[in-house]
């Protein structure tokens, strides 16, 4: 009876091996998803920083202001 459980039942050698394969596949899938998430997060950071840089250049070089702001230029 013990041998039958070991080879055929729930938690058998084959069942455990199948679950280990599924676990490894899931870990690989998770790693790929994590890489994709990190890449997207880096792109978002780049876009945010890029917009900040564009705004800074527009303010300093073109004198652009936001609504309800007053631009005061001091010339030396």
PDB file of N, CA and C in Angstrom:
ATOM      1  N   UNK A   1       0.816  -1.195   0.000  1.00  0.00           N
ATOM      2  CA  UNK A   1       0.000   0.000   0.000  1.00  0.00           C
ATOM      3  C   UNK A   1       0.864   1.266   0.000  1.00  0.00           C
ATOM      4  N   UNK A   2       1.937   1.214   0.786  1.00  0.00           N
ATOM      5  CA  UNK A   2       2.854   2.357   0.841  1.00  0.00           C
ATOM      6  C   UNK A   2       3.512   2.567  -0.517  1.00  0.00           C
ATOM      7  N   UNK A   3       3.886   1.482  -1.158  1.00  0.00           N
ATOM      8  CA  UNK A   3       4.510   1.577  -2.486  1.00  0.00           C
ATOM      9  C   UNK A   3       3.546   2.190  -3.503  1.00  0.00           C
ATOM     10  N   UNK A   4       2.282   1.821  -3.438  1.00  0.00           N
ATOM     11  CA  UNK A   4       1.290   2.370  -4.366  1.00  0.00           C
ATOM     12  C   UNK A   4       1.159   3.864  -4.159  1.00  0.00           C
ATOM     13  N   UNK A   5       1.126   4.320  -2.914  1.00  0.00           N
ATOM     14  CA  UNK A   5       1.038   5.761  -2.620  1.00  0.00           C
ATOM     15  C   UNK A   5       2.289   6.480  -3.126  1.00  0.00           C
ATOM     16  N   UNK A   6       3.439   5.865  -2.936  1.00  0.00           N
ATOM     17  CA  UNK A   6       4.702   6.470  -3.352  1.00  0.00           C
ATOM     18  C   UNK A   6       4.771   6.648  -4.870  1.00  0.00           C
ATOM     19  N   UNK A   7       4.255   5.698  -5.640  1.00  0.00           N
ATOM     20  CA  UNK A   7       4.388   5.743  -7.092  1.00  0.00           C
ATOM     21  C   UNK A   7       3.165   6.293  -7.812  1.00  0.00           C
ATOM     22  N   UNK A   8       1.976   6.186  -7.208  1.00  0.00           N
ATOM     23  CA  UNK A   8       0.763   6.551  -7.936  1.00  0.00           C
ATOM     24  C   UNK A   8      -0.074   7.654  -7.290  1.00  0.00           C
ATOM     25  N   UNK A   9      -0.015   7.820  -6.023  1.00  0.00           N
ATOM     26  CA  UNK A   9      -0.912   8.732  -5.322  1.00  0.00           C
ATOM     27  C   UNK A   9      -0.464  10.185  -5.357  1.00  0.00           C
ATOM     28  N   UNK A  10      -1.230  10.983  -4.627  1.00  0.00           N
ATOM     29  CA  UNK A  10      -0.906  12.390  -4.507  1.00  0.00           C
ATOM     30  C   UNK A  10       0.408  12.516  -3.739  1.00  0.00           C
ATOM     31  N   UNK A  11       1.313  13.330  -4.237  1.00  0.00           N
ATOM     32  CA  UNK A  11       2.624  13.457  -3.626  1.00  0.00           C
ATOM     33  C   UNK A  11       3.573  12.365  -4.051  1.00  0.00           C
ATOM     34  N   UNK A  12       3.221  11.632  -5.106  1.00  0.00           N
ATOM     35  CA  UNK A  12       4.084  10.554  -5.595  1.00  0.00           C
ATOM     36  C   UNK A  12       5.324  11.145  -6.252  1.00  0.00           C
ATOM     37  N   UNK A  13       6.249  10.287  -6.562  1.00  0.00           N
ATOM     38  CA  UNK A  13       7.502  10.705  -7.181  1.00  0.00           C
ATOM     39  C   UNK A  13       7.225  11.451  -8.487  1.00  0.00           C
ATOM     40  N   UNK A  14       6.380  10.914  -9.310  1.00  0.00           N
ATOM     41  CA  UNK A  14       6.057  11.562 -10.588  1.00  0.00           C
ATOM     42  C   UNK A  14       5.328  12.878 -10.391  1.00  0.00           C
ATOM     43  N   UNK A  15       4.430  12.912  -9.428  1.00  0.00           N
ATOM     44  CA  UNK A  15       3.674  14.134  -9.132  1.00  0.00           C
ATOM     45  C   UNK A  15       4.606  15.241  -8.654  1.00  0.00           C
ATOM     46  N   UNK A  16       5.524  14.900  -7.793  1.00  0.00           N
ATOM     47  CA  UNK A  16       6.483  15.879  -7.279  1.00  0.00           C
ATOM     48  C   UNK A  16       7.380  16.381  -8.411  1.00  0.00           C
ATOM     49  N   UNK A  17       7.831  15.489  -9.272  1.00  0.00           N
ATOM     50  CA  UNK A  17       8.680  15.892 -10.397  1.00  0.00           C
ATOM     51  C   UNK A  17       7.923  16.833 -11.334  1.00  0.00           C
ATOM     52  N   UNK A  18       6.646  16.527 -11.585  1.00  0.00           N
ATOM     53  CA  UNK A  18       5.827  17.385 -12.447  1.00  0.00           C
ATOM     54  C   UNK A  18       5.660  18.763 -11.821  1.00  0.00           C
ATOM     55  N   UNK A  19       5.414  18.801 -10.517  1.00  0.00           N
ATOM     56  CA  UNK A  19       5.252  20.083  -9.833  1.00  0.00           C
ATOM     57  C   UNK A  19       6.552  20.880  -9.822  1.00  0.00           C
ATOM     58  N   UNK A  20       7.680  20.203  -9.690  1.00  0.00           N
ATOM     59  CA  UNK A  20       8.976  20.898  -9.730  1.00  0.00           C
ATOM     60  C   UNK A  20       9.226  21.508 -11.100  1.00  0.00           C
ATOM     61  N   UNK A  21       8.854  20.782 -12.173  1.00  0.00           N
ATOM     62  CA  UNK A  21       8.993  21.338 -13.528  1.00  0.00           C
ATOM     63  C   UNK A  21       8.118  22.571 -13.693  1.00  0.00           C
ATOM     64  N   UNK A  22       6.878  22.485 -13.205  1.00  0.00           N
ATOM     65  CA  UNK A  22       5.972  23.630 -13.285  1.00  0.00           C
ATOM     66  C   UNK A  22       6.510  24.809 -12.491  1.00  0.00           C
ATOM     67  N   UNK A  23       7.108  24.526 -11.344  1.00  0.00           N
ATOM     68  CA  UNK A  23       7.682  25.575 -10.522  1.00  0.00           C
ATOM     69  C   UNK A  23       8.828  26.270 -11.248  1.00  0.00           C
ATOM     70  N   UNK A  24       9.696  25.500 -11.880  1.00  0.00           N
ATOM     71  CA  UNK A  24      10.812  26.085 -12.627  1.00  0.00           C
ATOM     72  C   UNK A  24      10.306  26.924 -13.807  1.00  0.00           C
ATOM     73  N   UNK A  25       9.279  26.431 -14.506  1.00  0.00           N
ATOM     74  CA  UNK A  25       8.697  27.191 -15.612  1.00  0.00           C
ATOM     75  C   UNK A  25       8.106  28.502 -15.110  1.00  0.00           C
ATOM     76  N   UNK A  26       7.430  28.448 -13.961  1.00  0.00           N
ATOM     77  CA  UNK A  26       6.828  29.660 -13.396  1.00  0.00           C
ATOM     78  C   UNK A  26       7.898  30.652 -12.959  1.00  0.00           C
ATOM     79  N   UNK A  27       8.986  30.137 -12.376  1.00  0.00           N
ATOM     80  CA  UNK A  27      10.088  31.023 -11.981  1.00  0.00           C
ATOM     81  C   UNK A  27      10.698  31.705 -13.201  1.00  0.00           C
ATOM     82  N   UNK A  28      10.856  30.971 -14.298  1.00  0.00           N
ATOM     83  CA  UNK A  28      11.400  31.565 -15.526  1.00  0.00           C
ATOM     84  C   UNK A  28      10.440  32.621 -16.066  1.00  0.00           C
ATOM     85  N   UNK A  29       9.163  32.325 -16.042  1.00  0.00           N
ATOM     86  CA  UNK A  29       8.154  33.284 -16.497  1.00  0.00           C
ATOM     87  C   UNK A  29       8.165  34.530 -15.622  1.00  0.00           C
ATOM     88  N   UNK A  30       8.284  34.352 -14.328  1.00  0.00           N
ATOM     89  CA  UNK A  30       8.340  35.484 -13.401  1.00  0.00           C
ATOM     90  C   UNK A  30       9.580  36.344 -13.654  1.00  0.00           C
ATOM     91  N   UNK A  31      10.709  35.694 -13.937  1.00  0.00           N
ATOM     92  CA  UNK A  31      11.936  36.442 -14.207  1.00  0.00           C
ATOM     93  C   UNK A  31      11.778  37.290 -15.464  1.00  0.00           C
ATOM     94  N   UNK A  32      11.163  36.730 -16.506  1.00  0.00           N
ATOM     95  CA  UNK A  32      10.930  37.504 -17.728  1.00  0.00           C
ATOM     96  C   UNK A  32       9.990  38.679 -17.470  1.00  0.00           C
ATOM     97  N   UNK A  33       8.947  38.443 -16.692  1.00  0.00           N
ATOM     98  CA  UNK A  33       8.010  39.518 -16.364  1.00  0.00           C
ATOM     99  C   UNK A  33       8.703  40.598 -15.534  1.00  0.00           C
ATOM    100  N   UNK A  34       9.573  40.200 -14.619  1.00  0.00           N
ATOM    101  CA  UNK A  34      10.302  41.162 -13.801  1.00  0.00           C
ATOM    102  C   UNK A  34      11.212  42.024 -14.668  1.00  0.00           C
ATOM    103  N   UNK A  35      11.884  41.416 -15.641  1.00  0.00           N
ATOM    104  CA  UNK A  35      12.731  42.180 -16.556  1.00  0.00           C
ATOM    105  C   UNK A  35      11.910  43.175 -17.355  1.00  0.00           C
ATOM    106  N   UNK A  36      10.762  42.739 -17.840  1.00  0.00           N
ATOM    107  CA  UNK A  36       9.894  43.633 -18.601  1.00  0.00           C
ATOM    108  C   UNK A  36       9.415  44.787 -17.725  1.00  0.00           C
ATOM    109  N   UNK A  37       9.066  44.504 -16.482  1.00  0.00           N
ATOM    110  CA  UNK A  37       8.630  45.555 -15.562  1.00  0.00           C
ATOM    111  C   UNK A  37       9.741  46.554 -15.285  1.00  0.00           C
ATOM    112  N   UNK A  38      10.948  46.062 -15.082  1.00  0.00           N
ATOM    113  CA  UNK A  38      12.084  46.956 -14.837  1.00  0.00           C
ATOM    114  C   UNK A  38      12.369  47.824 -16.050  1.00  0.00           C
ATOM    115  N   UNK A  39      12.251  47.251 -17.244  1.00  0.00           N
ATOM    116  CA  UNK A  39      12.484  48.014 -18.463  1.00  0.00           C
ATOM    117  C   UNK A  39      11.421  49.108 -18.618  1.00  0.00           C
ATOM    118  N   UNK A  40      10.171  48.775 -18.346  1.00  0.00           N
ATOM    119  CA  UNK A  40       9.104  49.773 -18.429  1.00  0.00           C
ATOM    120  C   UNK A  40       9.293  50.866 -17.378  1.00  0.00           C
ATOM    121  N   UNK A  41       9.697  50.500 -16.190  1.00  0.00           N
ATOM    122  CA  UNK A  41       9.935  51.489 -15.142  1.00  0.00           C
ATOM    123  C   UNK A  41      11.068  52.431 -15.540  1.00  0.00           C
ATOM    124  N   UNK A  42      12.116  51.896 -16.167  1.00  0.00           N
ATOM    125  CA  UNK A  42      13.221  52.734 -16.637  1.00  0.00           C
ATOM    126  C   UNK A  42      12.749  53.691 -17.734  1.00  0.00           C
ATOM    127  N   UNK A  43      11.899  53.207 -18.622  1.00  0.00           N
ATOM    128  CA  UNK A  43      11.370  54.077 -19.678  1.00  0.00           C
ATOM    129  C   UNK A  43      10.521  55.192 -19.080  1.00  0.00           C
ATOM    130  N   UNK A  44       9.715  54.871 -18.077  1.00  0.00           N
ATOM    131  CA  UNK A  44       8.884  55.889 -17.424  1.00  0.00           C
ATOM    132  C   UNK A  44       9.771  56.945 -16.772  1.00  0.00           C
ATOM    133  N   UNK A  45      10.831  56.496 -16.061  1.00  0.00           N
ATOM    134  CA  UNK A  45      11.759  57.452 -15.433  1.00  0.00           C
ATOM    135  C   UNK A  45      12.407  58.345 -16.480  1.00  0.00           C
ATOM    136  N   UNK A  46      12.838  57.753 -17.599  1.00  0.00           N
ATOM    137  CA  UNK A  46      13.463  58.535 -18.660  1.00  0.00           C
ATOM    138  C   UNK A  46      12.497  59.575 -19.220  1.00  0.00           C
ATOM    139  N   UNK A  47      11.254  59.174 -19.424  1.00  0.00           N
ATOM    140  CA  UNK A  47      10.268  60.114 -19.947  1.00  0.00           C
ATOM    141  C   UNK A  47       9.994  61.236 -18.950  1.00  0.00           C
ATOM    142  N   UNK A  48       9.892  60.907 -17.682  1.00  0.00           N
ATOM    143  CA  UNK A  48       9.645  61.927 -16.671  1.00  0.00           C
ATOM    144  C   UNK A  48      10.814  62.894 -16.587  1.00  0.00           C
ATOM    145  N   UNK A  49      12.025  62.376 -16.572  1.00  0.00           N
ATOM    146  CA  UNK A  49      13.197  63.234 -16.505  1.00  0.00           C
ATOM    147  C   UNK A  49      13.339  64.042 -17.787  1.00  0.00           C
ATOM    148  N   UNK A  50      12.999  63.431 -18.916  1.00  0.00           N
ATOM    149  CA  UNK A  50      13.077  64.138 -20.193  1.00  0.00           C
ATOM    150  C   UNK A  50      12.126  65.324 -20.223  1.00  0.00           C
ATOM    151  N   UNK A  51      10.915  65.139 -19.688  1.00  0.00           N
ATOM    152  CA  UNK A  51       9.954  66.237 -19.653  1.00  0.00           C
ATOM    153  C   UNK A  51      10.423  67.332 -18.713  1.00  0.00           C
ATOM    154  N   UNK A  52      11.033  66.970 -17.616  1.00  0.00           N
ATOM    155  CA  UNK A  52      11.570  67.973 -16.702  1.00  0.00           C
ATOM    156  C   UNK A  52      12.670  68.784 -17.379  1.00  0.00           C
ATOM    157  N   UNK A  53      13.515  68.103 -18.151  1.00  0.00           N
ATOM    158  CA  UNK A  53      14.597  68.787 -18.843  1.00  0.00           C
ATOM    159  C   UNK A  53      14.039  69.724 -19.919  1.00  0.00           C
ATOM    160  N   UNK A  54      13.016  69.281 -20.627  1.00  0.00           N
ATOM    161  CA  UNK A  54      12.407  70.122 -21.656  1.00  0.00           C
ATOM    162  C   UNK A  54      11.797  71.361 -21.010  1.00  0.00           C
ATOM    163  N   UNK A  55      11.113  71.179 -19.900  1.00  0.00           N
ATOM    164  CA  UNK A  55      10.503  72.318 -19.209  1.00  0.00           C
ATOM    165  C   UNK A  55      11.574  73.290 -18.727  1.00  0.00           C
ATOM    166  N   UNK A  56      12.666  72.771 -18.189  1.00  0.00           N
ATOM    167  CA  UNK A  56      13.742  73.628 -17.701  1.00  0.00           C
ATOM    168  C   UNK A  56      14.349  74.448 -18.834  1.00  0.00           C
ATOM    169  N   UNK A  57      14.584  73.799 -19.973  1.00  0.00           N
ATOM    170  CA  UNK A  57      15.138  74.523 -21.129  1.00  0.00           C
ATOM    171  C   UNK A  57      14.159  75.583 -21.628  1.00  0.00           C
ATOM    172  N   UNK A  58      12.864  75.235 -21.701  1.00  0.00           N
ATOM    173  CA  UNK A  58      11.866  76.197 -22.161  1.00  0.00           C
ATOM    174  C   UNK A  58      11.811  77.399 -21.230  1.00  0.00           C
ATOM    175  N   UNK A  59      11.929  77.166 -19.951  1.00  0.00           N
ATOM    176  CA  UNK A  59      11.894  78.274 -18.992  1.00  0.00           C
ATOM    177  C   UNK A  59      13.144  79.145 -19.107  1.00  0.00           C
ATOM    178  N   UNK A  60      14.315  78.513 -19.162  1.00  0.00           N
ATOM    179  CA  UNK A  60      15.555  79.292 -19.143  1.00  0.00           C
ATOM    180  C   UNK A  60      15.870  79.930 -20.489  1.00  0.00           C
ATOM    181  N   UNK A  61      15.673  79.213 -21.584  1.00  0.00           N
ATOM    182  CA  UNK A  61      16.072  79.729 -22.890  1.00  0.00           C
ATOM    183  C   UNK A  61      14.978  80.530 -23.586  1.00  0.00           C
ATOM    184  N   UNK A  62      13.716  80.162 -23.360  1.00  0.00           N
ATOM    185  CA  UNK A  62      12.625  80.829 -24.071  1.00  0.00           C
ATOM    186  C   UNK A  62      11.793  81.735 -23.171  1.00  0.00           C
ATOM    187  N   UNK A  63      12.068  81.702 -21.875  1.00  0.00           N
ATOM    188  CA  UNK A  63      11.328  82.552 -20.959  1.00  0.00           C
ATOM    189  C   UNK A  63       9.876  82.138 -20.780  1.00  0.00           C
ATOM    190  N   UNK A  64       9.568  80.897 -21.012  1.00  0.00           N
ATOM    191  CA  UNK A  64       8.194  80.428 -20.871  1.00  0.00           C
ATOM    192  C   UNK A  64       7.816  80.320 -19.396  1.00  0.00           C
ATOM    193  N   UNK A  65       6.552  80.600 -19.105  1.00  0.00           N
ATOM    194  CA  UNK A  65       6.054  80.525 -17.735  1.00  0.00           C
ATOM    195  C   UNK A  65       4.760  79.733 -17.709  1.00  0.00           C
ATOM    196  N   UNK A  66       4.444  79.221 -16.539  1.00  0.00           N
ATOM    197  CA  UNK A  66       3.178  78.526 -16.343  1.00  0.00           C
ATOM    198  C   UNK A  66       2.087  79.561 -16.089  1.00  0.00           C
ATOM    199  N   UNK A  67       0.833  79.174 -16.269  1.00  0.00           N
ATOM    200  CA  UNK A  67      -0.244  80.111 -15.942  1.00  0.00           C
ATOM    201  C   UNK A  67      -0.140  80.556 -14.478  1.00  0.00           C
ATOM    202  N   UNK A  68      -0.463  81.793 -14.216  1.00  0.00           N
ATOM    203  CA  UNK A  68      -0.417  82.396 -12.877  1.00  0.00           C
ATOM    204  C   UNK A  68       0.994  82.532 -12.327  1.00  0.00           C
ATOM    205  N   UNK A  69       2.009  82.517 -13.186  1.00  0.00           N
ATOM    206  CA  UNK A  69       3.381  82.785 -12.771  1.00  0.00           C
ATOM    207  C   UNK A  69       3.803  84.129 -13.330  1.00  0.00           C
ATOM    208  N   UNK A  70       4.763  84.743 -12.678  1.00  0.00           N
ATOM    209  CA  UNK A  70       5.317  86.002 -13.150  1.00  0.00           C
ATOM    210  C   UNK A  70       6.800  85.772 -13.395  1.00  0.00           C
ATOM    211  N   UNK A  71       7.276  86.149 -14.562  1.00  0.00           N
ATOM    212  CA  UNK A  71       8.677  85.986 -14.912  1.00  0.00           C
ATOM    213  C   UNK A  71       9.404  87.284 -14.614  1.00  0.00           C
ATOM    214  N   UNK A  72      10.440  87.182 -13.822  1.00  0.00           N
ATOM    215  CA  UNK A  72      11.275  88.346 -13.495  1.00  0.00           C
ATOM    216  C   UNK A  72      12.675  88.017 -13.961  1.00  0.00           C
ATOM    217  N   UNK A  73      13.182  88.801 -14.907  1.00  0.00           N
ATOM    218  CA  UNK A  73      14.528  88.582 -15.409  1.00  0.00           C
ATOM    219  C   UNK A  73      15.446  89.642 -14.819  1.00  0.00           C
ATOM    220  N   UNK A  74      16.575  89.199 -14.335  1.00  0.00           N
ATOM    221  CA  UNK A  74      17.561  90.115 -13.795  1.00  0.00           C
ATOM    222  C   UNK A  74      18.755  90.092 -14.718  1.00  0.00           C
ATOM    223  N   UNK A  75      19.079  91.227 -15.304  1.00  0.00           N
ATOM    224  CA  UNK A  75      20.185  91.315 -16.251  1.00  0.00           C
ATOM    225  C   UNK A  75      21.355  91.972 -15.532  1.00  0.00           C
ATOM    226  N   UNK A  76      22.490  91.334 -15.630  1.00  0.00           N
ATOM    227  CA  UNK A  76      23.693  91.885 -14.958  1.00  0.00           C
ATOM    228  C   UNK A  76      24.549  92.613 -15.953  1.00  0.00           C
TER     229      UNK A  76
END
